[in-house]
N, C-alpha and C. Protein backbone atom coordinates (compact mmCIF):
# COMPACT_ATOMS: atom_id res chain seq x y z
N MET A 1 -23.77 6.26 -0.78
CA MET A 1 -23.36 5.59 -2.23
C MET A 1 -22.01 4.99 -1.96
N SER A 2 -22.03 3.63 -2.29
CA SER A 2 -20.59 3.02 -2.45
C SER A 2 -19.76 3.15 -3.40
N LEU A 3 -18.49 3.31 -3.22
CA LEU A 3 -17.41 3.35 -4.36
C LEU A 3 -17.16 2.18 -5.10
N GLY A 4 -17.52 1.12 -4.53
CA GLY A 4 -17.30 -0.18 -5.15
C GLY A 4 -15.84 -0.75 -5.08
N LEU A 5 -15.09 -0.15 -3.96
CA LEU A 5 -13.73 -0.67 -3.74
C LEU A 5 -13.47 -2.09 -3.60
N ALA A 6 -14.36 -2.66 -3.02
CA ALA A 6 -14.27 -4.09 -2.67
C ALA A 6 -14.23 -5.06 -3.80
N THR A 7 -14.72 -4.58 -4.88
CA THR A 7 -14.64 -5.36 -6.18
C THR A 7 -13.82 -4.72 -7.37
N CYS A 8 -13.14 -3.51 -7.02
CA CYS A 8 -12.56 -2.70 -8.01
C CYS A 8 -11.11 -3.39 -8.28
N ALA A 9 -10.85 -3.82 -9.61
CA ALA A 9 -9.68 -4.25 -9.87
C ALA A 9 -8.99 -3.42 -11.02
N LEU A 10 -7.60 -3.68 -11.14
CA LEU A 10 -7.00 -2.87 -12.15
C LEU A 10 -5.89 -3.86 -12.92
N VAL A 11 -5.79 -3.33 -14.33
CA VAL A 11 -4.66 -4.21 -14.94
C VAL A 11 -3.88 -2.99 -15.50
N VAL A 12 -2.66 -3.11 -14.97
CA VAL A 12 -1.51 -2.10 -15.21
C VAL A 12 -0.53 -2.83 -15.83
N GLY A 13 -0.37 -2.58 -17.10
CA GLY A 13 0.86 -3.22 -18.09
C GLY A 13 0.80 -4.64 -17.68
N ASP A 14 1.92 -5.17 -17.33
CA ASP A 14 2.06 -6.84 -17.09
C ASP A 14 1.44 -7.19 -15.70
N TYR A 15 0.61 -6.32 -14.93
CA TYR A 15 0.41 -6.63 -13.66
C TYR A 15 -1.34 -6.65 -13.42
N ARG A 16 -1.60 -7.56 -12.65
CA ARG A 16 -3.05 -7.40 -12.33
C ARG A 16 -3.18 -7.03 -10.75
N LEU A 17 -4.19 -5.95 -10.52
CA LEU A 17 -4.30 -5.59 -9.13
C LEU A 17 -5.82 -6.06 -8.76
N ALA A 18 -5.88 -6.80 -7.66
CA ALA A 18 -7.16 -7.17 -7.28
C ALA A 18 -7.45 -6.89 -5.68
N PRO A 19 -8.38 -6.65 -5.11
CA PRO A 19 -8.59 -6.51 -3.67
C PRO A 19 -8.34 -7.85 -3.09
N LEU A 20 -7.64 -7.70 -1.88
CA LEU A 20 -7.38 -8.76 -0.97
C LEU A 20 -8.49 -9.78 -0.87
N GLN A 21 -8.35 -11.12 -0.87
CA GLN A 21 -9.37 -11.96 -0.91
C GLN A 21 -8.82 -13.21 0.11
N ARG A 22 -9.79 -13.98 0.71
CA ARG A 22 -9.48 -15.07 1.80
C ARG A 22 -8.41 -16.15 1.04
N ASP A 23 -8.41 -16.17 0.02
CA ASP A 23 -7.57 -17.25 -0.73
C ASP A 23 -6.14 -16.58 -0.78
N ASP A 24 -5.92 -15.41 -0.59
CA ASP A 24 -4.64 -14.84 -0.58
C ASP A 24 -3.72 -14.91 0.72
N ALA A 25 -4.17 -15.60 1.60
CA ALA A 25 -3.48 -15.92 2.77
C ALA A 25 -1.97 -16.50 2.79
N ALA A 26 -1.89 -17.45 1.87
CA ALA A 26 -0.67 -18.30 1.74
C ALA A 26 0.41 -17.12 1.37
N GLY A 27 0.00 -16.63 0.21
CA GLY A 27 0.82 -15.56 -0.49
C GLY A 27 1.23 -14.39 0.45
N LEU A 28 0.23 -13.87 1.34
CA LEU A 28 0.60 -12.69 2.21
C LEU A 28 1.42 -13.36 3.33
N LEU A 29 1.43 -14.72 3.68
CA LEU A 29 2.23 -15.21 4.83
C LEU A 29 3.72 -15.23 4.23
N GLU A 30 3.77 -15.47 2.83
CA GLU A 30 5.20 -15.75 2.40
C GLU A 30 5.75 -14.27 2.04
N LEU A 31 4.99 -13.25 1.78
CA LEU A 31 5.37 -11.87 1.52
C LEU A 31 5.75 -11.25 2.85
N PHE A 32 4.91 -11.33 3.81
CA PHE A 32 5.04 -10.52 5.21
C PHE A 32 5.82 -11.37 6.16
N GLY A 33 6.10 -12.65 5.73
CA GLY A 33 7.21 -13.63 6.50
C GLY A 33 8.57 -13.22 6.33
N ASP A 34 8.83 -12.53 5.33
CA ASP A 34 10.13 -12.05 4.98
C ASP A 34 10.61 -10.87 6.01
N PRO A 35 11.62 -11.17 6.83
CA PRO A 35 11.82 -9.99 7.64
C PRO A 35 12.37 -8.63 6.96
N LEU A 36 12.89 -8.78 6.05
CA LEU A 36 13.33 -7.61 5.38
C LEU A 36 12.05 -6.75 4.62
N VAL A 37 11.11 -7.68 4.05
CA VAL A 37 9.91 -6.81 3.75
C VAL A 37 9.19 -6.33 4.76
N ALA A 38 9.17 -6.96 6.00
CA ALA A 38 8.42 -6.30 7.14
C ALA A 38 9.07 -5.27 7.88
N GLU A 39 10.38 -4.93 7.73
CA GLU A 39 11.51 -4.31 8.37
C GLU A 39 10.87 -2.90 8.68
N TYR A 40 10.42 -2.24 7.64
CA TYR A 40 9.86 -0.73 8.17
C TYR A 40 8.50 -0.69 8.36
N MET A 41 7.80 -2.07 8.31
CA MET A 41 6.24 -1.68 8.33
C MET A 41 5.89 -1.90 10.01
N ASP A 42 4.62 -1.73 10.26
CA ASP A 42 4.06 -1.85 11.41
C ASP A 42 3.56 -3.06 11.80
N ILE A 43 4.27 -4.21 11.36
CA ILE A 43 3.81 -5.57 11.67
C ILE A 43 5.32 -6.13 11.91
N ALA A 44 5.31 -7.29 12.67
CA ALA A 44 6.18 -8.21 12.93
C ALA A 44 6.29 -9.06 11.68
N PRO A 45 7.39 -9.82 11.29
CA PRO A 45 7.09 -10.92 10.25
C PRO A 45 5.97 -11.73 10.54
N LEU A 46 5.27 -12.33 9.74
CA LEU A 46 4.21 -13.26 9.88
C LEU A 46 4.72 -14.47 10.03
N THR A 47 4.06 -15.37 10.95
CA THR A 47 4.34 -16.71 10.95
C THR A 47 3.38 -17.65 10.94
N THR A 48 2.10 -17.24 10.87
CA THR A 48 0.93 -17.93 10.83
C THR A 48 -0.18 -17.65 9.69
N LEU A 49 -0.86 -18.48 9.01
CA LEU A 49 -1.71 -17.93 8.40
C LEU A 49 -3.00 -17.32 8.95
N ALA A 50 -3.29 -17.44 10.35
CA ALA A 50 -4.22 -16.57 11.09
C ALA A 50 -3.81 -15.17 10.95
N GLN A 51 -2.48 -14.93 11.15
CA GLN A 51 -2.13 -13.56 10.90
C GLN A 51 -2.19 -12.94 9.70
N ALA A 52 -2.08 -13.70 8.50
CA ALA A 52 -2.29 -13.15 7.19
C ALA A 52 -3.71 -13.18 7.12
N HIS A 53 -4.70 -13.82 7.62
CA HIS A 53 -6.09 -13.64 7.75
C HIS A 53 -6.49 -12.44 8.26
N GLU A 54 -5.92 -12.07 9.42
CA GLU A 54 -6.13 -10.82 10.19
C GLU A 54 -5.86 -9.57 8.98
N ILE A 55 -4.93 -9.71 8.34
CA ILE A 55 -4.57 -8.57 7.36
C ILE A 55 -5.73 -8.53 6.14
N ILE A 56 -6.15 -9.61 5.85
CA ILE A 56 -7.19 -9.76 4.70
C ILE A 56 -8.45 -9.28 5.49
N ASP A 57 -8.73 -9.58 6.60
CA ASP A 57 -9.96 -9.01 7.10
C ASP A 57 -10.01 -7.47 7.38
N TRP A 58 -8.75 -6.99 7.68
CA TRP A 58 -8.56 -5.64 7.76
C TRP A 58 -8.98 -4.90 6.44
N GLY A 59 -8.29 -5.35 5.35
CA GLY A 59 -8.47 -4.89 3.94
C GLY A 59 -9.88 -5.02 3.53
N THR A 60 -10.33 -6.18 3.84
CA THR A 60 -12.05 -6.48 3.56
C THR A 60 -12.78 -5.40 4.06
N GLU A 61 -12.56 -5.33 5.33
CA GLU A 61 -13.45 -4.22 6.12
C GLU A 61 -13.18 -2.81 5.46
N LEU A 62 -11.97 -2.56 5.20
CA LEU A 62 -11.62 -1.20 4.73
C LEU A 62 -12.12 -0.88 3.32
N ALA A 63 -12.19 -1.94 2.47
CA ALA A 63 -12.96 -1.56 1.23
C ALA A 63 -14.52 -1.68 1.27
N ASP A 64 -14.95 -2.53 2.20
CA ASP A 64 -16.24 -2.54 2.31
C ASP A 64 -17.08 -1.37 2.88
N GLY A 65 -16.21 -0.62 3.60
CA GLY A 65 -16.55 0.71 4.18
C GLY A 65 -16.00 1.91 3.54
N ASP A 66 -15.69 1.75 2.29
CA ASP A 66 -14.98 2.75 1.42
C ASP A 66 -13.98 3.52 1.95
N GLY A 67 -13.25 3.04 3.14
CA GLY A 67 -12.27 3.70 3.68
C GLY A 67 -10.95 3.64 3.13
N GLY A 68 -10.85 2.73 2.08
CA GLY A 68 -9.64 2.61 1.45
C GLY A 68 -9.61 1.05 0.56
N VAL A 69 -8.62 0.72 -0.03
CA VAL A 69 -8.62 -0.45 -0.64
C VAL A 69 -7.13 -1.05 -0.56
N ARG A 70 -6.75 -2.47 -0.46
CA ARG A 70 -5.39 -2.95 -0.56
C ARG A 70 -5.78 -4.04 -1.58
N TRP A 71 -4.77 -3.69 -2.66
CA TRP A 71 -4.86 -4.62 -3.78
C TRP A 71 -3.70 -5.51 -3.63
N THR A 72 -3.90 -6.91 -4.19
CA THR A 72 -2.75 -7.61 -4.42
C THR A 72 -2.19 -7.31 -5.65
N ILE A 73 -0.83 -7.65 -5.88
CA ILE A 73 -0.07 -7.44 -7.09
C ILE A 73 0.29 -8.85 -7.56
N ARG A 74 -0.11 -9.24 -8.79
CA ARG A 74 0.43 -10.34 -9.55
C ARG A 74 0.69 -9.96 -10.91
N ARG A 75 1.65 -10.74 -11.42
CA ARG A 75 2.06 -10.67 -12.99
C ARG A 75 0.85 -11.42 -13.53
N ALA A 76 0.69 -10.92 -14.75
CA ALA A 76 -0.61 -11.34 -15.66
C ALA A 76 -0.19 -12.80 -15.97
N GLY A 77 -1.11 -13.75 -15.75
CA GLY A 77 -0.86 -14.99 -16.20
C GLY A 77 -0.24 -15.76 -15.09
N ASP A 78 0.11 -15.13 -13.86
CA ASP A 78 0.83 -15.80 -12.80
C ASP A 78 0.15 -15.68 -11.59
N PRO A 79 -0.31 -16.81 -10.86
CA PRO A 79 -1.01 -16.73 -9.66
C PRO A 79 -0.31 -16.38 -8.48
N ALA A 80 1.04 -16.20 -8.52
CA ALA A 80 1.98 -15.77 -7.28
C ALA A 80 1.67 -14.46 -6.85
N LEU A 81 1.29 -14.27 -5.67
CA LEU A 81 1.36 -13.01 -5.14
C LEU A 81 2.68 -12.28 -4.94
N ILE A 82 2.90 -11.09 -5.48
CA ILE A 82 4.14 -10.51 -5.44
C ILE A 82 4.33 -9.24 -4.47
N GLY A 83 3.20 -8.81 -4.05
CA GLY A 83 3.12 -7.48 -3.39
C GLY A 83 1.67 -6.95 -3.15
N THR A 84 1.52 -6.09 -2.48
CA THR A 84 0.37 -5.28 -2.24
C THR A 84 0.46 -3.69 -2.40
N VAL A 85 -0.60 -3.19 -2.72
CA VAL A 85 -0.68 -1.52 -3.04
C VAL A 85 -2.06 -1.01 -2.70
N GLY A 86 -1.99 0.08 -2.36
CA GLY A 86 -3.40 0.64 -2.29
C GLY A 86 -3.46 1.98 -1.32
N PHE A 87 -4.69 2.26 -0.76
CA PHE A 87 -4.98 3.35 -0.01
C PHE A 87 -5.34 2.84 1.35
N ASN A 88 -4.49 3.05 2.21
CA ASN A 88 -5.01 2.64 3.61
C ASN A 88 -6.00 3.47 4.55
N ASN A 89 -6.00 4.79 3.88
CA ASN A 89 -6.98 5.64 4.43
C ASN A 89 -7.52 6.58 3.37
N LEU A 90 -8.58 6.62 3.09
CA LEU A 90 -9.46 7.64 2.30
C LEU A 90 -10.22 8.56 3.26
N VAL A 91 -10.09 9.86 3.02
CA VAL A 91 -10.91 10.99 3.91
C VAL A 91 -11.64 11.72 2.82
N PHE A 92 -13.04 11.76 2.99
CA PHE A 92 -13.85 12.49 2.13
C PHE A 92 -14.61 13.68 2.77
N ASP A 93 -14.87 13.36 3.98
CA ASP A 93 -15.40 14.23 4.95
C ASP A 93 -14.46 15.63 5.39
N ARG A 94 -14.74 16.61 4.80
CA ARG A 94 -14.02 17.89 4.93
C ARG A 94 -12.42 17.70 4.31
N ALA A 95 -12.26 16.82 3.45
CA ALA A 95 -11.01 16.71 2.72
C ALA A 95 -11.16 15.88 1.59
N ARG A 96 -10.42 15.70 0.73
CA ARG A 96 -10.39 14.58 -0.29
C ARG A 96 -8.97 14.20 -0.53
N ARG A 97 -8.55 13.47 0.50
CA ARG A 97 -7.07 12.81 0.53
C ARG A 97 -7.11 11.36 0.69
N GLY A 98 -6.01 10.78 0.47
CA GLY A 98 -5.83 9.45 0.58
C GLY A 98 -4.22 9.04 1.13
N GLU A 99 -4.06 7.93 1.77
CA GLU A 99 -2.64 7.58 2.12
C GLU A 99 -2.35 6.39 1.22
N VAL A 100 -1.38 6.54 0.44
CA VAL A 100 -0.95 5.22 -0.42
C VAL A 100 0.12 4.59 0.37
N ALA A 101 0.11 3.04 0.31
CA ALA A 101 0.85 2.28 0.72
C ALA A 101 1.43 1.12 -0.08
N TYR A 102 2.43 0.58 -0.09
CA TYR A 102 2.80 -0.45 -0.95
C TYR A 102 3.80 -1.34 -0.30
N ASP A 103 4.04 -2.60 -0.89
CA ASP A 103 5.08 -3.23 -0.39
C ASP A 103 5.32 -4.35 -1.62
N LEU A 104 6.49 -5.04 -1.51
CA LEU A 104 6.82 -5.83 -2.78
C LEU A 104 7.71 -7.00 -2.17
N ARG A 105 7.75 -8.11 -2.77
CA ARG A 105 8.65 -9.39 -2.31
C ARG A 105 10.08 -8.98 -2.71
N ARG A 106 10.92 -9.40 -2.01
CA ARG A 106 12.36 -8.99 -2.07
C ARG A 106 12.95 -9.32 -3.58
N ALA A 107 12.52 -10.45 -4.09
CA ALA A 107 12.74 -10.76 -5.35
C ALA A 107 12.69 -9.89 -6.36
N ASP A 108 11.45 -9.00 -6.25
CA ASP A 108 11.25 -8.10 -7.14
C ASP A 108 11.72 -6.69 -6.90
N TRP A 109 12.41 -6.47 -6.08
CA TRP A 109 12.95 -4.90 -5.52
C TRP A 109 13.94 -4.76 -6.45
N GLY A 110 13.88 -3.39 -6.97
CA GLY A 110 14.86 -3.07 -8.13
C GLY A 110 14.54 -3.25 -9.46
N ARG A 111 13.35 -3.75 -9.67
CA ARG A 111 12.97 -4.26 -11.14
C ARG A 111 12.12 -3.33 -11.72
N GLY A 112 11.80 -2.25 -11.16
CA GLY A 112 10.63 -1.42 -11.79
C GLY A 112 9.24 -1.66 -11.55
N VAL A 113 9.07 -2.69 -10.80
CA VAL A 113 7.53 -3.00 -10.66
C VAL A 113 6.69 -1.96 -9.95
N MET A 114 7.17 -1.18 -8.91
CA MET A 114 6.27 -0.23 -8.43
C MET A 114 6.30 0.97 -9.27
N SER A 115 7.50 1.31 -9.99
CA SER A 115 7.50 2.27 -10.92
C SER A 115 6.58 2.24 -11.97
N GLN A 116 6.10 1.15 -12.53
CA GLN A 116 5.16 0.72 -13.51
C GLN A 116 3.81 0.86 -12.84
N ILE A 117 3.64 0.47 -11.68
CA ILE A 117 2.20 0.29 -10.93
C ILE A 117 1.73 1.60 -10.27
N LEU A 118 2.57 2.49 -9.47
CA LEU A 118 2.39 3.50 -8.77
C LEU A 118 1.61 4.63 -9.54
N PRO A 119 2.08 5.08 -10.83
CA PRO A 119 1.53 5.95 -11.61
C PRO A 119 -0.09 5.65 -11.83
N HIS A 120 -0.48 4.34 -12.18
CA HIS A 120 -2.03 3.78 -12.19
C HIS A 120 -2.64 4.15 -10.84
N VAL A 121 -1.98 3.72 -9.84
CA VAL A 121 -2.62 3.81 -8.67
C VAL A 121 -3.05 5.35 -8.16
N LEU A 122 -1.93 6.29 -8.42
CA LEU A 122 -2.16 7.70 -8.27
C LEU A 122 -3.24 8.25 -9.19
N ALA A 123 -3.33 7.72 -10.47
CA ALA A 123 -4.24 8.24 -11.32
C ALA A 123 -5.62 7.83 -10.95
N PHE A 124 -5.82 6.52 -10.39
CA PHE A 124 -6.97 6.06 -9.62
C PHE A 124 -7.53 6.87 -8.57
N GLY A 125 -6.49 7.55 -7.82
CA GLY A 125 -6.91 8.19 -6.65
C GLY A 125 -7.42 9.74 -7.08
N PHE A 126 -6.42 10.16 -7.92
CA PHE A 126 -6.80 11.53 -8.29
C PHE A 126 -7.90 11.62 -9.25
N HIS A 127 -8.13 10.81 -10.09
CA HIS A 127 -9.30 10.90 -11.08
C HIS A 127 -10.43 10.11 -10.69
N ASP A 128 -10.39 8.71 -10.38
CA ASP A 128 -11.60 8.01 -10.22
C ASP A 128 -12.16 8.30 -8.80
N LEU A 129 -11.14 8.53 -7.59
CA LEU A 129 -11.67 9.05 -6.41
C LEU A 129 -11.87 10.48 -6.26
N SER A 130 -11.38 11.26 -7.30
CA SER A 130 -11.36 12.81 -7.18
C SER A 130 -10.71 13.34 -5.93
N LEU A 131 -9.38 12.59 -5.51
CA LEU A 131 -8.83 13.17 -4.37
C LEU A 131 -7.96 14.32 -4.85
N ARG A 132 -7.80 15.40 -3.97
CA ARG A 132 -6.95 16.48 -4.06
C ARG A 132 -5.52 16.22 -3.58
N ARG A 133 -5.40 15.34 -2.60
CA ARG A 133 -4.07 15.09 -2.02
C ARG A 133 -3.93 13.52 -1.80
N ILE A 134 -2.65 13.12 -2.05
CA ILE A 134 -2.17 11.77 -1.65
C ILE A 134 -0.95 11.89 -0.75
N GLU A 135 -1.04 11.17 0.45
CA GLU A 135 -0.02 11.06 1.26
C GLU A 135 0.55 9.86 1.18
N ALA A 136 1.94 9.82 1.89
CA ALA A 136 2.72 8.48 2.21
C ALA A 136 3.27 8.71 3.46
N MET A 137 3.34 7.69 4.24
CA MET A 137 4.01 7.82 5.49
C MET A 137 5.03 6.67 5.21
N VAL A 138 6.47 7.07 5.51
CA VAL A 138 7.45 6.38 5.18
C VAL A 138 8.29 6.33 6.69
N THR A 139 8.73 5.02 7.21
CA THR A 139 9.43 5.02 8.26
C THR A 139 10.93 5.35 8.00
N LEU A 140 11.38 6.17 9.01
CA LEU A 140 12.88 6.76 8.75
C LEU A 140 13.63 5.56 8.49
N GLY A 141 14.64 5.63 7.54
CA GLY A 141 15.42 4.76 7.07
C GLY A 141 15.22 3.93 5.92
N ASN A 142 13.91 3.92 5.38
CA ASN A 142 13.31 3.34 4.10
C ASN A 142 13.67 4.07 2.91
N ALA A 143 14.98 4.15 2.58
CA ALA A 143 15.49 4.93 1.61
C ALA A 143 14.94 4.65 0.12
N ARG A 144 14.59 3.50 0.04
CA ARG A 144 14.05 2.82 -1.36
C ARG A 144 12.61 3.35 -1.47
N SER A 145 11.75 3.40 -0.37
CA SER A 145 10.68 3.95 -0.64
C SER A 145 10.54 5.57 -0.76
N CYS A 146 11.62 6.18 0.00
CA CYS A 146 11.75 7.61 -0.04
C CYS A 146 12.04 7.97 -1.75
N ALA A 147 12.78 7.11 -2.34
CA ALA A 147 13.44 7.56 -3.78
C ALA A 147 12.09 7.26 -4.62
N LEU A 148 11.32 6.19 -4.32
CA LEU A 148 10.24 6.03 -5.30
C LEU A 148 9.26 6.99 -5.34
N LEU A 149 8.96 7.73 -4.21
CA LEU A 149 7.98 8.57 -4.12
C LEU A 149 8.44 9.69 -4.85
N GLU A 150 9.72 10.23 -4.42
CA GLU A 150 10.34 11.51 -5.00
C GLU A 150 10.27 11.33 -6.61
N ARG A 151 10.67 10.08 -7.07
CA ARG A 151 10.63 9.92 -8.40
C ARG A 151 9.23 10.09 -8.99
N HIS A 152 8.12 10.08 -8.15
CA HIS A 152 6.57 10.15 -8.81
C HIS A 152 6.10 11.34 -8.11
N GLY A 153 6.72 12.34 -7.84
CA GLY A 153 6.25 13.70 -7.72
C GLY A 153 5.98 14.20 -6.23
N PHE A 154 6.18 13.10 -5.36
CA PHE A 154 5.93 13.52 -4.06
C PHE A 154 7.23 14.27 -3.55
N SER A 155 6.61 15.34 -2.43
CA SER A 155 7.75 16.10 -1.88
C SER A 155 7.52 15.57 -0.24
N LEU A 156 8.79 15.58 0.05
CA LEU A 156 9.07 15.42 1.68
C LEU A 156 8.49 16.57 2.59
N GLU A 157 7.45 16.35 3.25
CA GLU A 157 6.79 17.61 3.89
C GLU A 157 7.18 17.70 5.37
N GLY A 158 7.96 16.76 5.96
CA GLY A 158 8.40 16.78 7.28
C GLY A 158 8.52 15.61 7.98
N THR A 159 9.18 15.63 9.05
CA THR A 159 9.32 14.29 9.97
C THR A 159 8.51 14.44 11.18
N LEU A 160 7.65 13.42 11.41
CA LEU A 160 6.80 13.22 12.61
C LEU A 160 7.59 12.45 13.54
N ARG A 161 8.08 13.00 14.64
CA ARG A 161 8.91 12.44 15.62
C ARG A 161 8.05 11.54 16.46
N ASP A 162 8.60 10.21 16.68
CA ASP A 162 8.00 9.34 17.68
C ASP A 162 6.35 9.09 17.28
N HIS A 163 5.96 9.23 15.87
CA HIS A 163 4.52 9.26 15.43
C HIS A 163 3.88 7.87 15.75
N ALA A 164 4.56 6.75 15.55
CA ALA A 164 4.01 5.55 15.68
C ALA A 164 4.80 4.64 16.67
N HIS A 165 4.04 3.58 16.88
CA HIS A 165 4.50 2.72 18.05
C HIS A 165 3.98 1.35 17.66
N TRP A 166 5.37 0.52 17.26
CA TRP A 166 4.95 -0.99 16.98
C TRP A 166 6.29 -1.59 17.26
N LYS A 167 6.21 -2.84 17.42
CA LYS A 167 7.47 -3.67 17.55
C LYS A 167 8.36 -3.17 18.82
N GLY A 168 7.36 -2.57 19.92
CA GLY A 168 7.98 -2.43 21.06
C GLY A 168 8.62 -1.08 21.21
N ARG A 169 8.64 -0.24 20.24
CA ARG A 169 9.24 1.09 20.21
C ARG A 169 8.46 2.17 19.41
N TYR A 170 8.85 3.33 19.69
CA TYR A 170 8.54 4.50 18.73
C TYR A 170 9.24 4.68 17.48
N TRP A 171 8.75 5.00 16.42
CA TRP A 171 9.33 5.37 15.08
C TRP A 171 8.88 6.63 14.63
N ASP A 172 9.96 7.44 14.10
CA ASP A 172 9.80 8.41 13.37
C ASP A 172 9.21 8.14 12.05
N GLN A 173 8.13 9.02 11.41
CA GLN A 173 7.67 8.81 10.09
C GLN A 173 7.97 10.07 9.26
N LEU A 174 8.16 9.76 8.08
CA LEU A 174 8.39 10.81 7.20
C LEU A 174 7.07 11.23 6.43
N ILE A 175 6.67 12.29 6.41
CA ILE A 175 5.33 12.43 5.61
C ILE A 175 5.61 13.10 4.24
N TYR A 176 5.22 12.36 3.25
CA TYR A 176 5.30 12.72 1.82
C TYR A 176 3.84 13.11 1.39
N GLY A 177 3.70 14.18 0.21
CA GLY A 177 2.55 14.64 -0.10
C GLY A 177 2.70 14.98 -1.61
N ARG A 178 1.62 14.76 -2.38
CA ARG A 178 1.45 15.24 -3.84
C ARG A 178 0.07 15.64 -3.96
N LEU A 179 -0.10 16.74 -4.63
CA LEU A 179 -1.46 17.32 -4.91
C LEU A 179 -1.69 16.93 -6.30
N ALA A 180 -3.03 17.04 -6.58
CA ALA A 180 -3.56 16.56 -7.99
C ALA A 180 -2.98 17.71 -8.80
N ASP A 181 -2.72 17.27 -9.91
CA ASP A 181 -2.11 18.15 -11.08
C ASP A 181 -3.15 19.21 -11.48
């Protein structure tokens, strides 16, 4: 039975969330081409549309297989892509958990965008997907992300030392978790 993640869209206050589509490549290139946006991510800053298409292909495959969903974030009435949010991994076999992830263009940092969107994404996970647990992996040093998660009821559960490898080195990851109320 399909969850319909490939077509699932959300309206959250002043924002529209829609699954990644092929025509989002230019917006993704601009978003992930910013070195500060990509600083704590597992990708180097994008330099080509082909790289953006690879991310879109990953997101499409994820949603088509019900393994997750990555939504674009846009202000209502504005076609500009300002970020992405979603579940990079959904586990239903022997668990009911998902890994939430998000990013936002630098011009919108500190403006409450994710504070408005994240509660709706979490509600979707806990209620619509019937998740018991939502996790977030944060690269050590990303204080903004840690603060956001803590404001929204996540607890720091530990540090996974040298858990990830990208950009030519190993990275510690902080694991945050929140259980359904």
